[in-house]
Amino acid sequence: MAQSIEEIKAGLEAPTHIVVDGVQVDLTADEIEATLNTWADNELAKQLDKEANGYKTARANEYPSIPDQLDMQYWDGVNGTTTWADHIAKVKSDNPKPV
């Protein structure tokens, strides 16, 4: 489950300065807060995307290569088995879409 903005911000190290044209410029309190808010918003978006779409990466990592899948399908047709369909169904059940 994604963290709250406050939890994310608590784990960030606040910037104190930026470098502009090679010169270090100290940030004001408002600029520091704005930067932390931006970073936290980006991290929250990343976490929410992973929750919504992480199953796609997990499935892709577990699927056999395309040549291996084609070989499975060929031998399923020759032997009358369901090796390929069973394997794909297991990957999908092990990595379900979020509801």
N, C-alpha and C. Protein backbone atom coordinates (compact mmCIF):
# COMPACT_ATOMS: atom_id res chain seq x y z
N MET A 1 0.84 -1.18 0.00
CA MET A 1 0.00 0.00 0.00
C MET A 1 0.89 1.24 0.00
N ALA A 2 0.51 2.22 -0.76
CA ALA A 2 1.29 3.45 -0.89
C ALA A 2 1.33 4.21 0.43
N GLN A 3 2.46 4.85 0.66
CA GLN A 3 2.62 5.66 1.85
C GLN A 3 1.85 6.97 1.70
N SER A 4 1.60 7.62 2.83
CA SER A 4 0.98 8.94 2.77
C SER A 4 2.07 9.95 2.41
N ILE A 5 1.64 11.12 1.96
CA ILE A 5 2.58 12.19 1.62
C ILE A 5 3.44 12.53 2.84
N GLU A 6 2.85 12.55 4.03
CA GLU A 6 3.60 12.88 5.24
C GLU A 6 4.67 11.83 5.53
N GLU A 7 4.34 10.55 5.34
CA GLU A 7 5.32 9.48 5.55
C GLU A 7 6.47 9.59 4.56
N ILE A 8 6.14 9.89 3.33
CA ILE A 8 7.17 10.03 2.30
C ILE A 8 8.07 11.21 2.64
N LYS A 9 7.47 12.35 2.96
CA LYS A 9 8.25 13.54 3.28
C LYS A 9 9.16 13.32 4.48
N ALA A 10 8.69 12.55 5.46
CA ALA A 10 9.50 12.28 6.65
C ALA A 10 10.77 11.51 6.30
N GLY A 11 10.73 10.74 5.25
CA GLY A 11 11.89 9.95 4.85
C GLY A 11 12.83 10.68 3.90
N LEU A 12 12.49 11.88 3.50
CA LEU A 12 13.33 12.63 2.58
C LEU A 12 14.29 13.55 3.33
N GLU A 13 15.44 13.75 2.73
CA GLU A 13 16.40 14.71 3.29
C GLU A 13 16.15 16.06 2.61
N ALA A 14 15.84 17.05 3.40
CA ALA A 14 15.50 18.37 2.85
C ALA A 14 16.72 19.01 2.18
N PRO A 15 16.52 19.55 0.99
CA PRO A 15 17.63 20.24 0.33
C PRO A 15 17.88 21.58 1.02
N THR A 16 19.10 22.02 1.01
CA THR A 16 19.41 23.31 1.64
C THR A 16 19.83 24.35 0.60
N HIS A 17 20.22 23.87 -0.56
CA HIS A 17 20.69 24.80 -1.59
C HIS A 17 20.56 24.16 -2.97
N ILE A 18 20.72 24.98 -3.98
CA ILE A 18 20.83 24.52 -5.36
C ILE A 18 22.06 25.21 -5.94
N VAL A 19 22.51 24.70 -7.07
CA VAL A 19 23.65 25.32 -7.73
C VAL A 19 23.15 25.93 -9.04
N VAL A 20 23.36 27.22 -9.18
CA VAL A 20 22.94 27.94 -10.38
C VAL A 20 24.18 28.55 -11.02
N ASP A 21 24.45 28.17 -12.25
CA ASP A 21 25.63 28.66 -12.96
C ASP A 21 26.90 28.52 -12.13
N GLY A 22 27.02 27.39 -11.44
CA GLY A 22 28.21 27.12 -10.66
C GLY A 22 28.26 27.80 -9.31
N VAL A 23 27.20 28.52 -8.94
CA VAL A 23 27.17 29.23 -7.67
C VAL A 23 26.12 28.58 -6.77
N GLN A 24 26.51 28.28 -5.53
CA GLN A 24 25.58 27.69 -4.57
C GLN A 24 24.64 28.77 -4.05
N VAL A 25 23.33 28.50 -4.16
CA VAL A 25 22.31 29.44 -3.70
C VAL A 25 21.49 28.74 -2.63
N ASP A 26 21.42 29.35 -1.45
CA ASP A 26 20.63 28.78 -0.36
C ASP A 26 19.14 28.91 -0.68
N LEU A 27 18.40 27.87 -0.31
CA LEU A 27 16.95 27.88 -0.52
C LEU A 27 16.23 28.50 0.67
N THR A 28 15.13 29.16 0.39
CA THR A 28 14.28 29.68 1.47
C THR A 28 13.45 28.52 2.03
N ALA A 29 12.83 28.74 3.16
CA ALA A 29 11.98 27.72 3.77
C ALA A 29 10.84 27.33 2.82
N ASP A 30 10.26 28.31 2.13
CA ASP A 30 9.18 28.01 1.18
C ASP A 30 9.69 27.18 0.00
N GLU A 31 10.88 27.48 -0.47
CA GLU A 31 11.46 26.71 -1.59
C GLU A 31 11.78 25.28 -1.16
N ILE A 32 12.28 25.14 0.07
CA ILE A 32 12.56 23.80 0.59
C ILE A 32 11.26 23.00 0.69
N GLU A 33 10.22 23.63 1.23
CA GLU A 33 8.92 22.95 1.37
C GLU A 33 8.35 22.59 0.00
N ALA A 34 8.45 23.49 -0.96
CA ALA A 34 7.95 23.22 -2.31
C ALA A 34 8.71 22.06 -2.95
N THR A 35 10.01 22.03 -2.76
CA THR A 35 10.82 20.93 -3.31
C THR A 35 10.44 19.60 -2.67
N LEU A 36 10.30 19.58 -1.35
CA LEU A 36 9.90 18.36 -0.67
C LEU A 36 8.51 17.90 -1.12
N ASN A 37 7.59 18.84 -1.30
CA ASN A 37 6.25 18.48 -1.78
C ASN A 37 6.32 17.86 -3.17
N THR A 38 7.12 18.44 -4.04
CA THR A 38 7.27 17.89 -5.40
C THR A 38 7.85 16.49 -5.36
N TRP A 39 8.91 16.32 -4.59
CA TRP A 39 9.53 14.99 -4.47
C TRP A 39 8.55 13.97 -3.90
N ALA A 40 7.80 14.37 -2.88
CA ALA A 40 6.84 13.45 -2.25
C ALA A 40 5.71 13.11 -3.23
N ASP A 41 5.23 14.10 -3.97
CA ASP A 41 4.18 13.84 -4.96
C ASP A 41 4.68 12.85 -6.02
N ASN A 42 5.91 13.04 -6.47
CA ASN A 42 6.48 12.13 -7.47
C ASN A 42 6.63 10.72 -6.93
N GLU A 43 7.09 10.60 -5.69
CA GLU A 43 7.25 9.28 -5.07
C GLU A 43 5.89 8.60 -4.88
N LEU A 44 4.89 9.36 -4.46
CA LEU A 44 3.55 8.80 -4.30
C LEU A 44 3.01 8.31 -5.64
N ALA A 45 3.20 9.09 -6.69
CA ALA A 45 2.74 8.67 -8.02
C ALA A 45 3.44 7.39 -8.45
N LYS A 46 4.72 7.28 -8.16
CA LYS A 46 5.48 6.07 -8.49
C LYS A 46 4.94 4.87 -7.73
N GLN A 47 4.66 5.04 -6.44
CA GLN A 47 4.13 3.95 -5.63
C GLN A 47 2.74 3.52 -6.12
N LEU A 48 1.89 4.49 -6.44
CA LEU A 48 0.55 4.16 -6.92
C LEU A 48 0.61 3.45 -8.27
N ASP A 49 1.52 3.88 -9.13
CA ASP A 49 1.68 3.21 -10.43
C ASP A 49 2.15 1.78 -10.24
N LYS A 50 3.08 1.57 -9.31
CA LYS A 50 3.57 0.21 -9.05
C LYS A 50 2.45 -0.67 -8.53
N GLU A 51 1.60 -0.13 -7.65
CA GLU A 51 0.46 -0.90 -7.15
C GLU A 51 -0.50 -1.27 -8.27
N ALA A 52 -0.75 -0.31 -9.16
CA ALA A 52 -1.72 -0.54 -10.23
C ALA A 52 -1.16 -1.39 -11.36
N ASN A 53 0.14 -1.27 -11.65
CA ASN A 53 0.70 -1.92 -12.83
C ASN A 53 1.86 -2.86 -12.56
N GLY A 54 2.23 -3.04 -11.31
CA GLY A 54 3.36 -3.90 -10.97
C GLY A 54 3.18 -5.34 -11.41
N TYR A 55 1.95 -5.80 -11.46
CA TYR A 55 1.70 -7.17 -11.88
C TYR A 55 2.17 -7.41 -13.31
N LYS A 56 2.17 -6.37 -14.14
CA LYS A 56 2.60 -6.53 -15.53
C LYS A 56 4.07 -6.89 -15.60
N THR A 57 4.88 -6.20 -14.81
CA THR A 57 6.31 -6.50 -14.78
C THR A 57 6.56 -7.88 -14.20
N ALA A 58 5.84 -8.20 -13.12
CA ALA A 58 6.01 -9.52 -12.50
C ALA A 58 5.65 -10.63 -13.48
N ARG A 59 4.57 -10.45 -14.22
CA ARG A 59 4.18 -11.45 -15.22
C ARG A 59 5.23 -11.55 -16.32
N ALA A 60 5.67 -10.41 -16.82
CA ALA A 60 6.65 -10.42 -17.91
C ALA A 60 7.92 -11.15 -17.50
N ASN A 61 8.32 -11.01 -16.24
CA ASN A 61 9.53 -11.68 -15.76
C ASN A 61 9.35 -13.19 -15.64
N GLU A 62 8.12 -13.65 -15.47
CA GLU A 62 7.86 -15.08 -15.29
C GLU A 62 7.47 -15.81 -16.57
N TYR A 63 7.01 -15.08 -17.57
CA TYR A 63 6.65 -15.74 -18.82
C TYR A 63 7.91 -16.31 -19.48
N PRO A 64 7.78 -17.47 -20.12
CA PRO A 64 8.92 -17.97 -20.90
C PRO A 64 9.13 -17.07 -22.12
N SER A 65 10.29 -17.19 -22.74
CA SER A 65 10.56 -16.41 -23.94
C SER A 65 9.56 -16.80 -25.03
N ILE A 66 9.40 -15.95 -26.01
CA ILE A 66 8.47 -16.23 -27.11
C ILE A 66 8.86 -17.53 -27.83
N PRO A 67 10.15 -17.75 -28.15
CA PRO A 67 10.49 -19.03 -28.79
C PRO A 67 10.11 -20.24 -27.92
N ASP A 68 10.32 -20.13 -26.62
CA ASP A 68 9.94 -21.23 -25.73
C ASP A 68 8.42 -21.43 -25.70
N GLN A 69 7.68 -20.31 -25.71
CA GLN A 69 6.22 -20.44 -25.73
C GLN A 69 5.73 -21.08 -27.03
N LEU A 70 6.34 -20.68 -28.13
CA LEU A 70 5.95 -21.29 -29.41
C LEU A 70 6.28 -22.78 -29.43
N ASP A 71 7.41 -23.15 -28.85
CA ASP A 71 7.78 -24.56 -28.76
C ASP A 71 6.77 -25.32 -27.90
N MET A 72 6.37 -24.72 -26.78
CA MET A 72 5.36 -25.35 -25.92
C MET A 72 4.05 -25.56 -26.69
N GLN A 73 3.65 -24.53 -27.44
CA GLN A 73 2.40 -24.64 -28.21
C GLN A 73 2.51 -25.73 -29.27
N TYR A 74 3.66 -25.81 -29.93
CA TYR A 74 3.85 -26.86 -30.95
C TYR A 74 3.69 -28.23 -30.31
N TRP A 75 4.42 -28.47 -29.21
CA TRP A 75 4.38 -29.78 -28.59
C TRP A 75 3.03 -30.07 -27.94
N ASP A 76 2.34 -29.04 -27.50
CA ASP A 76 0.97 -29.26 -27.01
C ASP A 76 0.09 -29.78 -28.14
N GLY A 77 0.27 -29.19 -29.33
CA GLY A 77 -0.51 -29.65 -30.48
C GLY A 77 -0.17 -31.06 -30.90
N VAL A 78 1.10 -31.39 -30.84
CA VAL A 78 1.56 -32.73 -31.23
C VAL A 78 1.13 -33.77 -30.19
N ASN A 79 1.29 -33.45 -28.92
CA ASN A 79 1.04 -34.43 -27.86
C ASN A 79 -0.36 -34.34 -27.26
N GLY A 80 -1.12 -33.33 -27.65
CA GLY A 80 -2.46 -33.17 -27.08
C GLY A 80 -2.42 -32.75 -25.62
N THR A 81 -1.37 -32.00 -25.23
CA THR A 81 -1.25 -31.55 -23.84
C THR A 81 -1.63 -30.07 -23.74
N THR A 82 -1.60 -29.55 -22.53
CA THR A 82 -1.93 -28.14 -22.31
C THR A 82 -0.82 -27.45 -21.51
N THR A 83 0.41 -27.84 -21.75
CA THR A 83 1.55 -27.29 -21.01
C THR A 83 1.61 -25.77 -21.09
N TRP A 84 1.48 -25.24 -22.30
CA TRP A 84 1.58 -23.78 -22.48
C TRP A 84 0.44 -23.07 -21.75
N ALA A 85 -0.79 -23.50 -21.98
CA ALA A 85 -1.95 -22.85 -21.35
C ALA A 85 -1.87 -22.95 -19.83
N ASP A 86 -1.42 -24.09 -19.32
CA ASP A 86 -1.29 -24.26 -17.87
C ASP A 86 -0.23 -23.31 -17.31
N HIS A 87 0.89 -23.18 -18.01
CA HIS A 87 1.96 -22.30 -17.54
C HIS A 87 1.50 -20.84 -17.52
N ILE A 88 0.85 -20.41 -18.59
CA ILE A 88 0.37 -19.03 -18.67
C ILE A 88 -0.68 -18.77 -17.59
N ALA A 89 -1.57 -19.71 -17.37
CA ALA A 89 -2.60 -19.55 -16.34
C ALA A 89 -1.97 -19.45 -14.95
N LYS A 90 -0.91 -20.21 -14.70
CA LYS A 90 -0.24 -20.15 -13.40
C LYS A 90 0.44 -18.79 -13.20
N VAL A 91 1.09 -18.28 -14.24
CA VAL A 91 1.73 -16.96 -14.13
C VAL A 91 0.67 -15.90 -13.81
N LYS A 92 -0.45 -15.98 -14.50
CA LYS A 92 -1.52 -15.00 -14.27
C LYS A 92 -2.13 -15.15 -12.88
N SER A 93 -2.31 -16.35 -12.40
CA SER A 93 -2.89 -16.53 -11.06
C SER A 93 -1.90 -16.15 -9.97
N ASP A 94 -0.60 -16.34 -10.23
CA ASP A 94 0.41 -15.95 -9.24
C ASP A 94 0.61 -14.44 -9.18
N ASN A 95 0.23 -13.74 -10.24
CA ASN A 95 0.40 -12.29 -10.33
C ASN A 95 -0.91 -11.66 -10.82
N PRO A 96 -1.95 -11.66 -9.98
CA PRO A 96 -3.26 -11.17 -10.41
C PRO A 96 -3.30 -9.65 -10.60
N LYS A 97 -4.23 -9.23 -11.43
CA LYS A 97 -4.48 -7.79 -11.58
C LYS A 97 -5.10 -7.30 -10.29
N PRO A 98 -4.72 -6.09 -9.86
CA PRO A 98 -5.38 -5.55 -8.65
C PRO A 98 -6.84 -5.25 -8.95
N VAL A 99 -7.65 -5.34 -7.92
CA VAL A 99 -9.08 -5.07 -8.11
C VAL A 99 -9.44 -3.64 -7.83
